[in-house]
Amino acid sequence: MHASKLLFAITVLIASSIAAPAAEPMDNSLGSPVTPRSNLERRGYATVSMYSGDRCDGAVDTFDVSGPLGYRCVRVPSPKRSIRVSGGGCVVKSHSGIDCRGSEAGPAYGTCTGVLYGSISVNCP
């Protein structure tokens, strides 16, 4: 009888440890839980702003793309001379042609890139 109580106690202990949720990781420098990246960050997203001026000034046209498997080729609606990209996880390229063909360049996220272009492609894997 004593052995069966011991076996039961061990079984309950093992079952409760398996069913308990895992502890959330902590960032000790801040003392707060480390939160996982949002779904948008995991799947990738980009906001592209196209400007008529050389330094991300003047008239602006903006569009957004998000993944997974988000792709967009956008013909520049009017002459544009600079571009700014925010977000992350997507490949953004400016193209000399209006159909996402021709010479291409990859503007950096978060900075203003002065370049003449005819179209923008965004691929969010």
PDB file of N, CA and C in Angstrom:
ATOM      1  N   MET A   1       0.817  -1.180   0.000  1.00  0.00           N
ATOM      2  CA  MET A   1       0.000   0.000   0.000  1.00  0.00           C
ATOM      3  C   MET A   1       0.872   1.259   0.000  1.00  0.00           C
ATOM      4  N   HIS A   2       1.943   1.236   0.786  1.00  0.00           N
ATOM      5  CA  HIS A   2       2.838   2.368   0.874  1.00  0.00           C
ATOM      6  C   HIS A   2       3.497   2.641  -0.487  1.00  0.00           C
ATOM      7  N   ALA A   3       3.881   1.590  -1.176  1.00  0.00           N
ATOM      8  CA  ALA A   3       4.515   1.719  -2.489  1.00  0.00           C
ATOM      9  C   ALA A   3       3.549   2.310  -3.505  1.00  0.00           C
ATOM     10  N   SER A   4       2.285   1.966  -3.429  1.00  0.00           N
ATOM     11  CA  SER A   4       1.318   2.500  -4.391  1.00  0.00           C
ATOM     12  C   SER A   4       1.100   3.990  -4.170  1.00  0.00           C
ATOM     13  N   LYS A   5       1.121   4.455  -2.902  1.00  0.00           N
ATOM     14  CA  LYS A   5       0.994   5.889  -2.627  1.00  0.00           C
ATOM     15  C   LYS A   5       2.206   6.646  -3.160  1.00  0.00           C
ATOM     16  N   LEU A   6       3.380   6.072  -2.992  1.00  0.00           N
ATOM     17  CA  LEU A   6       4.602   6.682  -3.490  1.00  0.00           C
ATOM     18  C   LEU A   6       4.580   6.767  -5.013  1.00  0.00           C
ATOM     19  N   LEU A   7       4.169   5.693  -5.658  1.00  0.00           N
ATOM     20  CA  LEU A   7       4.068   5.665  -7.113  1.00  0.00           C
ATOM     21  C   LEU A   7       3.052   6.693  -7.599  1.00  0.00           C
ATOM     22  N   PHE A   8       1.922   6.812  -6.913  1.00  0.00           N
ATOM     23  CA  PHE A   8       0.895   7.785  -7.277  1.00  0.00           C
ATOM     24  C   PHE A   8       1.441   9.212  -7.139  1.00  0.00           C
ATOM     25  N   ALA A   9       2.160   9.494  -6.060  1.00  0.00           N
ATOM     26  CA  ALA A   9       2.724  10.826  -5.826  1.00  0.00           C
ATOM     27  C   ALA A   9       3.733  11.192  -6.911  1.00  0.00           C
ATOM     28  N   ILE A  10       4.557  10.245  -7.308  1.00  0.00           N
ATOM     29  CA  ILE A  10       5.543  10.490  -8.366  1.00  0.00           C
ATOM     30  C   ILE A  10       4.837  10.746  -9.688  1.00  0.00           C
ATOM     31  N   THR A  11       3.800   9.976  -9.985  1.00  0.00           N
ATOM     32  CA  THR A  11       3.040  10.151 -11.226  1.00  0.00           C
ATOM     33  C   THR A  11       2.397  11.532 -11.273  1.00  0.00           C
ATOM     34  N   VAL A  12       1.793  11.967 -10.170  1.00  0.00           N
ATOM     35  CA  VAL A  12       1.170  13.294 -10.109  1.00  0.00           C
ATOM     36  C   VAL A  12       2.226  14.379 -10.292  1.00  0.00           C
ATOM     37  N   LEU A  13       3.366  14.230  -9.673  1.00  0.00           N
ATOM     38  CA  LEU A  13       4.447  15.201  -9.793  1.00  0.00           C
ATOM     39  C   LEU A  13       4.924  15.318 -11.232  1.00  0.00           C
ATOM     40  N   ILE A  14       5.126  14.205 -11.900  1.00  0.00           N
ATOM     41  CA  ILE A  14       5.577  14.209 -13.297  1.00  0.00           C
ATOM     42  C   ILE A  14       4.511  14.821 -14.191  1.00  0.00           C
ATOM     43  N   ALA A  15       3.258  14.441 -13.994  1.00  0.00           N
ATOM     44  CA  ALA A  15       2.168  14.963 -14.823  1.00  0.00           C
ATOM     45  C   ALA A  15       2.023  16.464 -14.655  1.00  0.00           C
ATOM     46  N   SER A  16       2.156  16.970 -13.445  1.00  0.00           N
ATOM     47  CA  SER A  16       2.000  18.410 -13.227  1.00  0.00           C
ATOM     48  C   SER A  16       3.170  19.188 -13.814  1.00  0.00           C
ATOM     49  N   SER A  17       4.353  18.610 -13.815  1.00  0.00           N
ATOM     50  CA  SER A  17       5.494  19.313 -14.404  1.00  0.00           C
ATOM     51  C   SER A  17       5.399  19.346 -15.920  1.00  0.00           C
ATOM     52  N   ILE A  18       4.807  18.335 -16.522  1.00  0.00           N
ATOM     53  CA  ILE A  18       4.630  18.318 -17.977  1.00  0.00           C
ATOM     54  C   ILE A  18       3.544  19.299 -18.377  1.00  0.00           C
ATOM     55  N   ALA A  19       2.470  19.397 -17.607  1.00  0.00           N
ATOM     56  CA  ALA A  19       1.333  20.245 -17.951  1.00  0.00           C
ATOM     57  C   ALA A  19       1.581  21.715 -17.650  1.00  0.00           C
ATOM     58  N   ALA A  20       2.561  22.029 -16.823  1.00  0.00           N
ATOM     59  CA  ALA A  20       2.817  23.417 -16.456  1.00  0.00           C
ATOM     60  C   ALA A  20       3.386  24.172 -17.645  1.00  0.00           C
ATOM     61  N   PRO A  21       2.936  25.408 -17.869  1.00  0.00           N
ATOM     62  CA  PRO A  21       3.476  26.191 -18.977  1.00  0.00           C
ATOM     63  C   PRO A  21       4.937  26.550 -18.722  1.00  0.00           C
ATOM     64  N   ALA A  22       5.677  26.699 -19.805  1.00  0.00           N
ATOM     65  CA  ALA A  22       7.089  27.053 -19.696  1.00  0.00           C
ATOM     66  C   ALA A  22       7.220  28.474 -19.178  1.00  0.00           C
ATOM     67  N   ALA A  23       8.254  28.722 -18.440  1.00  0.00           N
ATOM     68  CA  ALA A  23       8.497  30.058 -17.924  1.00  0.00           C
ATOM     69  C   ALA A  23       8.847  30.984 -19.074  1.00  0.00           C
ATOM     70  N   GLU A  24       8.379  32.233 -18.983  1.00  0.00           N
ATOM     71  CA  GLU A  24       8.669  33.217 -20.013  1.00  0.00           C
ATOM     72  C   GLU A  24      10.087  33.737 -19.808  1.00  0.00           C
ATOM     73  N   PRO A  25      10.894  33.859 -20.894  1.00  0.00           N
ATOM     74  CA  PRO A  25      12.270  34.335 -20.732  1.00  0.00           C
ATOM     75  C   PRO A  25      12.284  35.768 -20.211  1.00  0.00           C
ATOM     76  N   MET A  26      13.273  36.086 -19.409  1.00  0.00           N
ATOM     77  CA  MET A  26      13.374  37.420 -18.830  1.00  0.00           C
ATOM     78  C   MET A  26      14.631  38.113 -19.325  1.00  0.00           C
ATOM     79  N   ASP A  27      14.510  39.403 -19.560  1.00  0.00           N
ATOM     80  CA  ASP A  27      15.652  40.253 -19.846  1.00  0.00           C
ATOM     81  C   ASP A  27      16.026  40.896 -18.517  1.00  0.00           C
ATOM     82  N   ASN A  28      17.089  40.415 -17.897  1.00  0.00           N
ATOM     83  CA  ASN A  28      17.439  40.849 -16.550  1.00  0.00           C
ATOM     84  C   ASN A  28      17.811  42.319 -16.461  1.00  0.00           C
ATOM     85  N   SER A  29      18.261  42.909 -17.549  1.00  0.00           N
ATOM     86  CA  SER A  29      18.653  44.306 -17.491  1.00  0.00           C
ATOM     87  C   SER A  29      17.441  45.211 -17.300  1.00  0.00           C
ATOM     88  N   LEU A  30      16.282  44.808 -17.809  1.00  0.00           N
ATOM     89  CA  LEU A  30      15.086  45.624 -17.678  1.00  0.00           C
ATOM     90  C   LEU A  30      14.133  45.089 -16.623  1.00  0.00           C
ATOM     91  N   GLY A  31      14.274  43.814 -16.265  1.00  0.00           N
ATOM     92  CA  GLY A  31      13.388  43.209 -15.300  1.00  0.00           C
ATOM     93  C   GLY A  31      11.998  42.925 -15.835  1.00  0.00           C
ATOM     94  N   SER A  32      11.816  42.955 -17.158  1.00  0.00           N
ATOM     95  CA  SER A  32      10.504  42.683 -17.737  1.00  0.00           C
ATOM     96  C   SER A  32      10.610  41.512 -18.695  1.00  0.00           C
ATOM     97  N   PRO A  33       9.479  40.833 -18.961  1.00  0.00           N
ATOM     98  CA  PRO A  33       9.522  39.686 -19.862  1.00  0.00           C
ATOM     99  C   PRO A  33       9.941  40.091 -21.270  1.00  0.00           C
ATOM    100  N   VAL A  34      10.685  39.227 -21.920  1.00  0.00           N
ATOM    101  CA  VAL A  34      11.049  39.437 -23.313  1.00  0.00           C
ATOM    102  C   VAL A  34       9.859  38.999 -24.146  1.00  0.00           C
ATOM    103  N   THR A  35       9.309  39.913 -24.908  1.00  0.00           N
ATOM    104  CA  THR A  35       8.137  39.567 -25.708  1.00  0.00           C
ATOM    105  C   THR A  35       8.579  39.115 -27.086  1.00  0.00           C
ATOM    106  N   PRO A  36       7.914  38.102 -27.638  1.00  0.00           N
ATOM    107  CA  PRO A  36       8.270  37.660 -28.975  1.00  0.00           C
ATOM    108  C   PRO A  36       7.915  38.729 -29.994  1.00  0.00           C
ATOM    109  N   ARG A  37       8.590  38.698 -31.127  1.00  0.00           N
ATOM    110  CA  ARG A  37       8.299  39.654 -32.185  1.00  0.00           C
ATOM    111  C   ARG A  37       6.858  39.499 -32.629  1.00  0.00           C
ATOM    112  N   SER A  38       6.256  40.581 -33.074  1.00  0.00           N
ATOM    113  CA  SER A  38       4.863  40.530 -33.512  1.00  0.00           C
ATOM    114  C   SER A  38       4.747  39.699 -34.781  1.00  0.00           C
ATOM    115  N   ASN A  39       3.536  39.288 -35.095  1.00  0.00           N
ATOM    116  CA  ASN A  39       3.305  38.503 -36.309  1.00  0.00           C
ATOM    117  C   ASN A  39       3.749  39.258 -37.548  1.00  0.00           C
ATOM    118  N   LEU A  40       3.533  40.589 -37.583  1.00  0.00           N
ATOM    119  CA  LEU A  40       3.954  41.356 -38.756  1.00  0.00           C
ATOM    120  C   LEU A  40       5.459  41.305 -38.921  1.00  0.00           C
ATOM    121  N   GLU A  41       6.206  41.450 -37.817  1.00  0.00           N
ATOM    122  CA  GLU A  41       7.656  41.408 -37.922  1.00  0.00           C
ATOM    123  C   GLU A  41       8.134  40.033 -38.359  1.00  0.00           C
ATOM    124  N   ARG A  42       7.473  38.973 -37.867  1.00  0.00           N
ATOM    125  CA  ARG A  42       7.883  37.627 -38.250  1.00  0.00           C
ATOM    126  C   ARG A  42       7.661  37.393 -39.734  1.00  0.00           C
ATOM    127  N   ARG A  43       6.570  37.895 -40.268  1.00  0.00           N
ATOM    128  CA  ARG A  43       6.252  37.605 -41.661  1.00  0.00           C
ATOM    129  C   ARG A  43       6.802  38.652 -42.612  1.00  0.00           C
ATOM    130  N   GLY A  44       7.258  39.778 -42.136  1.00  0.00           N
ATOM    131  CA  GLY A  44       7.832  40.823 -42.962  1.00  0.00           C
ATOM    132  C   GLY A  44       6.793  41.842 -43.393  1.00  0.00           C
ATOM    133  N   TYR A  45       7.200  43.090 -43.402  1.00  0.00           N
ATOM    134  CA  TYR A  45       6.342  44.151 -43.910  1.00  0.00           C
ATOM    135  C   TYR A  45       7.223  45.314 -44.332  1.00  0.00           C
ATOM    136  N   ALA A  46       6.705  46.124 -45.226  1.00  0.00           N
ATOM    137  CA  ALA A  46       7.445  47.300 -45.668  1.00  0.00           C
ATOM    138  C   ALA A  46       6.459  48.408 -45.999  1.00  0.00           C
ATOM    139  N   THR A  47       6.810  49.615 -45.598  1.00  0.00           N
ATOM    140  CA  THR A  47       6.097  50.816 -46.011  1.00  0.00           C
ATOM    141  C   THR A  47       7.072  51.602 -46.868  1.00  0.00           C
ATOM    142  N   VAL A  48       6.678  51.861 -48.099  1.00  0.00           N
ATOM    143  CA  VAL A  48       7.544  52.548 -49.056  1.00  0.00           C
ATOM    144  C   VAL A  48       6.971  53.935 -49.318  1.00  0.00           C
ATOM    145  N   SER A  49       7.796  54.960 -49.105  1.00  0.00           N
ATOM    146  CA  SER A  49       7.403  56.343 -49.376  1.00  0.00           C
ATOM    147  C   SER A  49       8.269  56.866 -50.507  1.00  0.00           C
ATOM    148  N   MET A  50       7.620  57.347 -51.574  1.00  0.00           N
ATOM    149  CA  MET A  50       8.318  57.837 -52.772  1.00  0.00           C
ATOM    150  C   MET A  50       8.131  59.353 -52.847  1.00  0.00           C
ATOM    151  N   TYR A  51       9.240  60.094 -52.951  1.00  0.00           N
ATOM    152  CA  TYR A  51       9.205  61.551 -52.883  1.00  0.00           C
ATOM    153  C   TYR A  51       9.640  62.188 -54.203  1.00  0.00           C
ATOM    154  N   SER A  52       9.084  63.384 -54.478  1.00  0.00           N
ATOM    155  CA  SER A  52       9.476  64.114 -55.685  1.00  0.00           C
ATOM    156  C   SER A  52      10.806  64.841 -55.496  1.00  0.00           C
ATOM    157  N   GLY A  53      11.172  65.164 -54.259  1.00  0.00           N
ATOM    158  CA  GLY A  53      12.429  65.850 -53.984  1.00  0.00           C
ATOM    159  C   GLY A  53      13.594  64.887 -53.811  1.00  0.00           C
ATOM    160  N   ASP A  54      14.811  65.442 -53.874  1.00  0.00           N
ATOM    161  CA  ASP A  54      16.032  64.636 -53.751  1.00  0.00           C
ATOM    162  C   ASP A  54      16.303  64.141 -52.331  1.00  0.00           C
ATOM    163  N   ARG A  55      15.733  64.800 -51.321  1.00  0.00           N
ATOM    164  CA  ARG A  55      16.046  64.482 -49.920  1.00  0.00           C
ATOM    165  C   ARG A  55      14.801  64.044 -49.142  1.00  0.00           C
ATOM    166  N   CYS A  56      13.998  63.214 -49.770  1.00  0.00           N
ATOM    167  CA  CYS A  56      12.742  62.741 -49.156  1.00  0.00           C
ATOM    168  C   CYS A  56      11.872  63.914 -48.734  1.00  0.00           C
ATOM    169  N   ASP A  57      11.752  64.859 -49.657  1.00  0.00           N
ATOM    170  CA  ASP A  57      10.873  66.001 -49.458  1.00  0.00           C
ATOM    171  C   ASP A  57      10.001  66.169 -50.704  1.00  0.00           C
ATOM    172  N   GLY A  58       9.085  67.093 -50.646  1.00  0.00           N
ATOM    173  CA  GLY A  58       8.181  67.306 -51.775  1.00  0.00           C
ATOM    174  C   GLY A  58       6.991  66.361 -51.731  1.00  0.00           C
ATOM    175  N   ALA A  59       6.320  66.236 -52.871  1.00  0.00           N
ATOM    176  CA  ALA A  59       5.133  65.377 -52.966  1.00  0.00           C
ATOM    177  C   ALA A  59       5.507  63.930 -52.670  1.00  0.00           C
ATOM    178  N   VAL A  60       4.638  63.242 -51.928  1.00  0.00           N
ATOM    179  CA  VAL A  60       4.933  61.868 -51.514  1.00  0.00           C
ATOM    180  C   VAL A  60       3.774  60.946 -51.873  1.00  0.00           C
ATOM    181  N   ASP A  61       4.112  59.744 -52.308  1.00  0.00           N
ATOM    182  CA  ASP A  61       3.167  58.646 -52.508  1.00  0.00           C
ATOM    183  C   ASP A  61       3.677  57.489 -51.670  1.00  0.00           C
ATOM    184  N   THR A  62       2.771  56.809 -50.953  1.00  0.00           N
ATOM    185  CA  THR A  62       3.151  55.739 -50.028  1.00  0.00           C
ATOM    186  C   THR A  62       2.319  54.498 -50.275  1.00  0.00           C
ATOM    187  N   PHE A  63       2.952  53.316 -50.117  1.00  0.00           N
ATOM    188  CA  PHE A  63       2.217  52.054 -50.157  1.00  0.00           C
ATOM    189  C   PHE A  63       2.842  51.069 -49.187  1.00  0.00           C
ATOM    190  N   ASP A  64       2.049  50.049 -48.802  1.00  0.00           N
ATOM    191  CA  ASP A  64       2.475  49.031 -47.839  1.00  0.00           C
ATOM    192  C   ASP A  64       2.388  47.650 -48.467  1.00  0.00           C
ATOM    193  N   VAL A  65       3.292  46.764 -48.038  1.00  0.00           N
ATOM    194  CA  VAL A  65       3.255  45.352 -48.429  1.00  0.00           C
ATOM    195  C   VAL A  65       3.577  44.541 -47.182  1.00  0.00           C
ATOM    196  N   SER A  66       2.857  43.430 -46.974  1.00  0.00           N
ATOM    197  CA  SER A  66       3.176  42.540 -45.861  1.00  0.00           C
ATOM    198  C   SER A  66       3.132  41.101 -46.331  1.00  0.00           C
ATOM    199  N   GLY A  67       3.887  40.244 -45.647  1.00  0.00           N
ATOM    200  CA  GLY A  67       3.964  38.833 -46.005  1.00  0.00           C
ATOM    201  C   GLY A  67       3.041  38.019 -45.150  1.00  0.00           C
ATOM    202  N   PRO A  68       3.081  36.733 -45.179  1.00  0.00           N
ATOM    203  CA  PRO A  68       4.027  35.991 -46.007  1.00  0.00           C
ATOM    204  C   PRO A  68       3.598  35.982 -47.466  1.00  0.00           C
ATOM    205  N   LEU A  69       4.557  35.772 -48.305  1.00  0.00           N
ATOM    206  CA  LEU A  69       4.364  35.703 -49.753  1.00  0.00           C
ATOM    207  C   LEU A  69       3.768  36.979 -50.319  1.00  0.00           C
ATOM    208  N   GLY A  70       4.024  38.121 -49.663  1.00  0.00           N
ATOM    209  CA  GLY A  70       3.556  39.399 -50.188  1.00  0.00           C
ATOM    210  C   GLY A  70       4.519  39.884 -51.256  1.00  0.00           C
ATOM    211  N   TYR A  71       3.988  40.237 -52.418  1.00  0.00           N
ATOM    212  CA  TYR A  71       4.815  40.793 -53.490  1.00  0.00           C
ATOM    213  C   TYR A  71       4.026  41.901 -54.156  1.00  0.00           C
ATOM    214  N   ARG A  72       4.734  42.946 -54.514  1.00  0.00           N
ATOM    215  CA  ARG A  72       4.076  44.030 -55.227  1.00  0.00           C
ATOM    216  C   ARG A  72       5.089  44.731 -56.108  1.00  0.00           C
ATOM    217  N   CYS A  73       4.669  45.028 -57.343  1.00  0.00           N
ATOM    218  CA  CYS A  73       5.452  45.855 -58.265  1.00  0.00           C
ATOM    219  C   CYS A  73       4.627  47.111 -58.496  1.00  0.00           C
ATOM    220  N   VAL A  74       5.177  48.263 -58.113  1.00  0.00           N
ATOM    221  CA  VAL A  74       4.440  49.519 -58.197  1.00  0.00           C
ATOM    222  C   VAL A  74       5.127  50.453 -59.177  1.00  0.00           C
ATOM    223  N   ARG A  75       4.379  50.844 -60.195  1.00  0.00           N
ATOM    224  CA  ARG A  75       4.871  51.837 -61.148  1.00  0.00           C
ATOM    225  C   ARG A  75       4.816  53.197 -60.455  1.00  0.00           C
ATOM    226  N   VAL A  76       5.873  53.962 -60.587  1.00  0.00           N
ATOM    227  CA  VAL A  76       5.930  55.276 -59.960  1.00  0.00           C
ATOM    228  C   VAL A  76       4.870  56.163 -60.623  1.00  0.00           C
ATOM    229  N   PRO A  77       3.943  56.729 -59.824  1.00  0.00           N
ATOM    230  CA  PRO A  77       2.818  57.469 -60.404  1.00  0.00           C
ATOM    231  C   PRO A  77       3.187  58.813 -61.028  1.00  0.00           C
ATOM    232  N   SER A  78       4.284  59.400 -60.611  1.00  0.00           N
ATOM    233  CA  SER A  78       4.762  60.668 -61.157  1.00  0.00           C
ATOM    234  C   SER A  78       6.262  60.713 -60.907  1.00  0.00           C
ATOM    235  N   PRO A  79       6.989  61.623 -61.534  1.00  0.00           N
ATOM    236  CA  PRO A  79       8.449  61.634 -61.346  1.00  0.00           C
ATOM    237  C   PRO A  79       8.843  61.689 -59.864  1.00  0.00           C
ATOM    238  N   LYS A  80       9.665  60.744 -59.458  1.00  0.00           N
ATOM    239  CA  LYS A  80      10.144  60.664 -58.073  1.00  0.00           C
ATOM    240  C   LYS A  80      11.663  60.608 -58.080  1.00  0.00           C
ATOM    241  N   ARG A  81      12.266  61.241 -57.053  1.00  0.00           N
ATOM    242  CA  ARG A  81      13.721  61.342 -57.012  1.00  0.00           C
ATOM    243  C   ARG A  81      14.351  60.759 -55.747  1.00  0.00           C
ATOM    244  N   SER A  82      13.530  60.353 -54.779  1.00  0.00           N
ATOM    245  CA  SER A  82      14.081  59.745 -53.565  1.00  0.00           C
ATOM    246  C   SER A  82      13.051  58.797 -52.960  1.00  0.00           C
ATOM    247  N   ILE A  83      13.546  57.929 -52.063  1.00  0.00           N
ATOM    248  CA  ILE A  83      12.704  56.888 -51.480  1.00  0.00           C
ATOM    249  C   ILE A  83      13.128  56.635 -50.039  1.00  0.00           C
ATOM    250  N   ARG A  84      12.146  56.316 -49.186  1.00  0.00           N
ATOM    251  CA  ARG A  84      12.415  55.920 -47.797  1.00  0.00           C
ATOM    252  C   ARG A  84      11.584  54.670 -47.523  1.00  0.00           C
ATOM    253  N   VAL A  85      12.214  53.667 -46.914  1.00  0.00           N
ATOM    254  CA  VAL A  85      11.546  52.400 -46.615  1.00  0.00           C
ATOM    255  C   VAL A  85      11.593  52.167 -45.111  1.00  0.00           C
ATOM    256  N   SER A  86      10.447  51.804 -44.528  1.00  0.00           N
ATOM    257  CA  SER A  86      10.409  51.426 -43.114  1.00  0.00           C
ATOM    258  C   SER A  86       9.806  50.036 -43.006  1.00  0.00           C
ATOM    259  N   GLY A  87      10.006  49.410 -41.865  1.00  0.00           N
ATOM    260  CA  GLY A  87       9.521  48.046 -41.668  1.00  0.00           C
ATOM    261  C   GLY A  87      10.697  47.104 -41.537  1.00  0.00           C
ATOM    262  N   GLY A  88      10.558  45.903 -42.087  1.00  0.00           N
ATOM    263  CA  GLY A  88      11.638  44.930 -42.031  1.00  0.00           C
ATOM    264  C   GLY A  88      11.216  43.579 -42.563  1.00  0.00           C
ATOM    265  N   GLY A  89      12.190  42.797 -42.967  1.00  0.00           N
ATOM    266  CA  GLY A  89      11.929  41.436 -43.411  1.00  0.00           C
ATOM    267  C   GLY A  89      11.536  41.295 -44.861  1.00  0.00           C
ATOM    268  N   CYS A  90      11.532  42.389 -45.621  1.00  0.00           N
ATOM    269  CA  CYS A  90      11.175  42.341 -47.043  1.00  0.00           C
ATOM    270  C   CYS A  90      12.360  42.821 -47.874  1.00  0.00           C
ATOM    271  N   VAL A  91      12.402  42.383 -49.118  1.00  0.00           N
ATOM    272  CA  VAL A  91      13.420  42.853 -50.052  1.00  0.00           C
ATOM    273  C   VAL A  91      12.774  43.929 -50.915  1.00  0.00           C
ATOM    274  N   VAL A  92      13.306  45.150 -50.831  1.00  0.00           N
ATOM    275  CA  VAL A  92      12.772  46.284 -51.579  1.00  0.00           C
ATOM    276  C   VAL A  92      13.819  46.703 -52.597  1.00  0.00           C
ATOM    277  N   LYS A  93      13.383  46.881 -53.857  1.00  0.00           N
ATOM    278  CA  LYS A  93      14.305  47.301 -54.918  1.00  0.00           C
ATOM    279  C   LYS A  93      13.660  48.392 -55.753  1.00  0.00           C
ATOM    280  N   SER A  94      14.471  49.371 -56.135  1.00  0.00           N
ATOM    281  CA  SER A  94      14.022  50.365 -57.108  1.00  0.00           C
ATOM    282  C   SER A  94      14.541  49.924 -58.473  1.00  0.00           C
ATOM    283  N   HIS A  95      13.734  50.133 -59.509  1.00  0.00           N
ATOM    284  CA  HIS A  95      14.066  49.686 -60.865  1.00  0.00           C
ATOM    285  C   HIS A  95      14.010  50.862 -61.832  1.00  0.00           C
ATOM    286  N   SER A  96      14.868  50.821 -62.849  1.00  0.00           N
ATOM    287  CA  SER A  96      14.867  51.882 -63.853  1.00  0.00           C
ATOM    288  C   SER A  96      13.651  51.785 -64.772  1.00  0.00           C
ATOM    289  N   GLY A  97      13.150  50.582 -65.017  1.00  0.00           N
ATOM    290  CA  GLY A  97      11.975  50.394 -65.868  1.00  0.00           C
ATOM    291  C   GLY A  97      10.681  50.534 -65.089  1.00  0.00           C
ATOM    292  N   ILE A  98       9.572  50.747 -65.810  1.00  0.00           N
ATOM    293  CA  ILE A  98       8.280  50.934 -65.148  1.00  0.00           C
ATOM    294  C   ILE A  98       7.605  49.612 -64.792  1.00  0.00           C
ATOM    295  N   ASP A  99       8.224  48.487 -65.155  1.00  0.00           N
ATOM    296  CA  ASP A  99       7.626  47.171 -64.916  1.00  0.00           C
ATOM    297  C   ASP A  99       8.510  46.296 -64.019  1.00  0.00           C
ATOM    298  N   CYS A 100       9.236  46.929 -63.118  1.00  0.00           N
ATOM    299  CA  CYS A 100      10.156  46.246 -62.187  1.00  0.00           C
ATOM    300  C   CYS A 100      11.235  45.471 -62.932  1.00  0.00           C
ATOM    301  N   ARG A 101      11.678  46.039 -64.018  1.00  0.00           N
ATOM    302  CA  ARG A 101      12.793  45.493 -64.794  1.00  0.00           C
ATOM    303  C   ARG A 101      13.835  46.583 -64.974  1.00  0.00           C
ATOM    304  N   GLY A 102      14.938  46.215 -65.575  1.00  0.00           N
ATOM    305  CA  GLY A 102      16.008  47.172 -65.804  1.00  0.00           C
ATOM    306  C   GLY A 102      16.967  47.211 -64.633  1.00  0.00           C
ATOM    307  N   SER A 103      17.769  48.262 -64.584  1.00  0.00           N
ATOM    308  CA  SER A 103      18.741  48.411 -63.496  1.00  0.00           C
ATOM    309  C   SER A 103      18.001  48.505 -62.174  1.00  0.00           C
ATOM    310  N   GLU A 104      18.611  47.939 -61.135  1.00  0.00           N
ATOM    311  CA  GLU A 104      17.951  47.951 -59.829  1.00  0.00           C
ATOM    312  C   GLU A 104      18.924  48.332 -58.730  1.00  0.00           C
ATOM    313  N   ALA A 105      18.366  48.859 -57.657  1.00  0.00           N
ATOM    314  CA  ALA A 105      19.135  49.207 -56.465  1.00  0.00           C
ATOM    315  C   ALA A 105      18.278  48.871 -55.260  1.00  0.00           C
ATOM    316  N   GLY A 106      18.930  48.572 -54.161  1.00  0.00           N
ATOM    317  CA  GLY A 106      18.205  48.243 -52.929  1.00  0.00           C
ATOM    318  C   GLY A 106      18.327  49.361 -51.923  1.00  0.00           C
ATOM    319  N   PRO A 107      17.299  50.203 -51.787  1.00  0.00           N
ATOM    320  CA  PRO A 107      17.379  51.267 -50.780  1.00  0.00           C
ATOM    321  C   PRO A 107      17.433  50.675 -49.376  1.00  0.00           C
ATOM    322  N   ALA A 108      18.162  51.334 -48.496  1.00  0.00           N
ATOM    323  CA  ALA A 108      18.312  50.856 -47.115  1.00  0.00           C
ATOM    324  C   ALA A 108      17.091  51.241 -46.283  1.00  0.00           C
ATOM    325  N   TYR A 109      16.726  50.365 -45.353  1.00  0.00           N
ATOM    326  CA  TYR A 109      15.617  50.660 -44.445  1.00  0.00           C
ATOM    327  C   TYR A 109      15.976  51.848 -43.562  1.00  0.00           C
ATOM    328  N   GLY A 110      15.022  52.752 -43.379  1.00  0.00           N
ATOM    329  CA  GLY A 110      15.172  53.840 -42.428  1.00  0.00           C
ATOM    330  C   GLY A 110      15.987  55.031 -42.885  1.00  0.00           C
ATOM    331  N   THR A 111      16.541  54.993 -44.084  1.00  0.00           N
ATOM    332  CA  THR A 111      17.313  56.129 -44.581  1.00  0.00           C
ATOM    333  C   THR A 111      16.694  56.641 -45.867  1.00  0.00           C
ATOM    334  N   CYS A 112      16.997  57.867 -46.199  1.00  0.00           N
ATOM    335  CA  CYS A 112      16.529  58.454 -47.450  1.00  0.00           C
ATOM    336  C   CYS A 112      17.551  58.135 -48.537  1.00  0.00           C
ATOM    337  N   THR A 113      17.072  57.569 -49.637  1.00  0.00           N
ATOM    338  CA  THR A 113      17.949  57.232 -50.754  1.00  0.00           C
ATOM    339  C   THR A 113      17.524  58.057 -51.955  1.00  0.00           C
ATOM    340  N   GLY A 114      18.434  58.900 -52.445  1.00  0.00           N
ATOM    341  CA  GLY A 114      18.155  59.714 -53.619  1.00  0.00           C
ATOM    342  C   GLY A 114      18.515  58.943 -54.877  1.00  0.00           C
ATOM    343  N   VAL A 115      17.515  58.624 -55.680  1.00  0.00           N
ATOM    344  CA  VAL A 115      17.742  57.853 -56.902  1.00  0.00           C
ATOM    345  C   VAL A 115      16.545  58.056 -57.829  1.00  0.00           C
ATOM    346  N   LEU A 116      16.798  58.126 -59.123  1.00  0.00           N
ATOM    347  CA  LEU A 116      15.698  58.172 -60.092  1.00  0.00           C
ATOM    348  C   LEU A 116      15.252  56.748 -60.358  1.00  0.00           C
ATOM    349  N   TYR A 117      13.957  56.507 -60.431  1.00  0.00           N
ATOM    350  CA  TYR A 117      13.457  55.150 -60.643  1.00  0.00           C
ATOM    351  C   TYR A 117      12.086  55.202 -61.300  1.00  0.00           C
ATOM    352  N   GLY A 118      11.744  54.094 -61.974  1.00  0.00           N
ATOM    353  CA  GLY A 118      10.460  53.998 -62.664  1.00  0.00           C
ATOM    354  C   GLY A 118       9.471  53.108 -61.952  1.00  0.00           C
ATOM    355  N   SER A 119       9.973  52.191 -61.115  1.00  0.00           N
ATOM    356  CA  SER A 119       9.090  51.288 -60.373  1.00  0.00           C
ATOM    357  C   SER A 119       9.807  50.765 -59.134  1.00  0.00           C
ATOM    358  N   ILE A 120       8.997  50.229 -58.225  1.00  0.00           N
ATOM    359  CA  ILE A 120       9.502  49.671 -56.969  1.00  0.00           C
ATOM    360  C   ILE A 120       8.942  48.267 -56.818  1.00  0.00           C
ATOM    361  N   SER A 121       9.815  47.299 -56.484  1.00  0.00           N
ATOM    362  CA  SER A 121       9.330  45.953 -56.172  1.00  0.00           C
ATOM    363  C   SER A 121       9.577  45.680 -54.695  1.00  0.00           C
ATOM    364  N   VAL A 122       8.593  45.008 -54.077  1.00  0.00           N
ATOM    365  CA  VAL A 122       8.700  44.621 -52.674  1.00  0.00           C
ATOM    366  C   VAL A 122       8.328  43.153 -52.583  1.00  0.00           C
ATOM    367  N   ASN A 123       9.229  42.357 -52.015  1.00  0.00           N
ATOM    368  CA  ASN A 123       8.988  40.927 -51.838  1.00  0.00           C
ATOM    369  C   ASN A 123       9.145  40.593 -50.359  1.00  0.00           C
ATOM    370  N   CYS A 124       8.045  40.148 -49.745  1.00  0.00           N
ATOM    371  CA  CYS A 124       8.059  39.774 -48.322  1.00  0.00           C
ATOM    372  C   CYS A 124       7.889  38.265 -48.228  1.00  0.00           C
ATOM    373  N   PRO A 125       8.992  37.534 -48.014  1.00  0.00           N
ATOM    374  CA  PRO A 125       8.896  36.068 -47.981  1.00  0.00           C
ATOM    375  C   PRO A 125       8.148  35.557 -46.757  1.00  0.00           C
TER     376      PRO A 125
END
